[in-house]
Amino acid sequence: AIQREKSLKRWPRQWKIELIEKTNPEWFELFRGTEW
């Protein structure tokens, strides 16, 4: 998971947005309600 995170940080912003829209099209907030 750490390696994946590091590789994603090098991606252009638009690629990240497209990845999110492909896997989470409604932009459902996965961490809402956690104590972060």
Protein backbone atom coordinates (compact mmCIF):
# COMPACT_ATOMS: atom_id res chain seq x y z
CA ALA A 1 0.00 0.00 0.00
CA ILE A 2 2.83 2.40 0.80
CA GLN A 3 4.46 1.73 -2.57
CA ARG A 4 1.13 2.38 -4.34
CA GLU A 5 0.70 5.66 -2.45
CA LYS A 6 4.19 6.81 -3.39
CA SER A 7 3.62 6.00 -7.06
CA LEU A 8 0.28 7.86 -7.05
CA LYS A 9 1.95 10.97 -5.63
CA ARG A 10 4.00 11.22 -8.82
CA TRP A 11 0.88 11.10 -11.02
CA PRO A 12 -0.50 14.31 -12.54
CA ARG A 13 -3.60 15.63 -10.78
CA GLN A 14 -5.90 14.85 -13.72
CA TRP A 15 -4.89 11.18 -13.67
CA LYS A 16 -5.78 10.99 -9.97
CA ILE A 17 -9.18 12.59 -10.59
CA GLU A 18 -9.89 10.12 -13.40
CA LEU A 19 -8.89 7.21 -11.15
CA ILE A 20 -11.26 8.43 -8.41
CA GLU A 21 -14.11 8.94 -10.86
CA LYS A 22 -13.62 5.45 -12.26
CA THR A 23 -13.63 3.73 -8.85
CA ASN A 24 -15.83 6.16 -6.90
CA PRO A 25 -18.00 8.10 -9.41
CA GLU A 26 -20.19 9.69 -6.73
CA TRP A 27 -17.11 10.91 -4.81
CA PHE A 28 -18.46 9.15 -1.70
CA GLU A 29 -16.27 10.25 1.20
CA LEU A 30 -14.79 7.00 2.49
CA PHE A 31 -13.38 8.44 5.71
CA ARG A 32 -16.34 10.54 6.86
CA GLY A 33 -17.05 9.87 10.50
CA THR A 34 -13.57 8.68 11.39
CA GLU A 35 -11.53 10.52 13.98
CA TRP A 36 -8.77 11.71 11.60
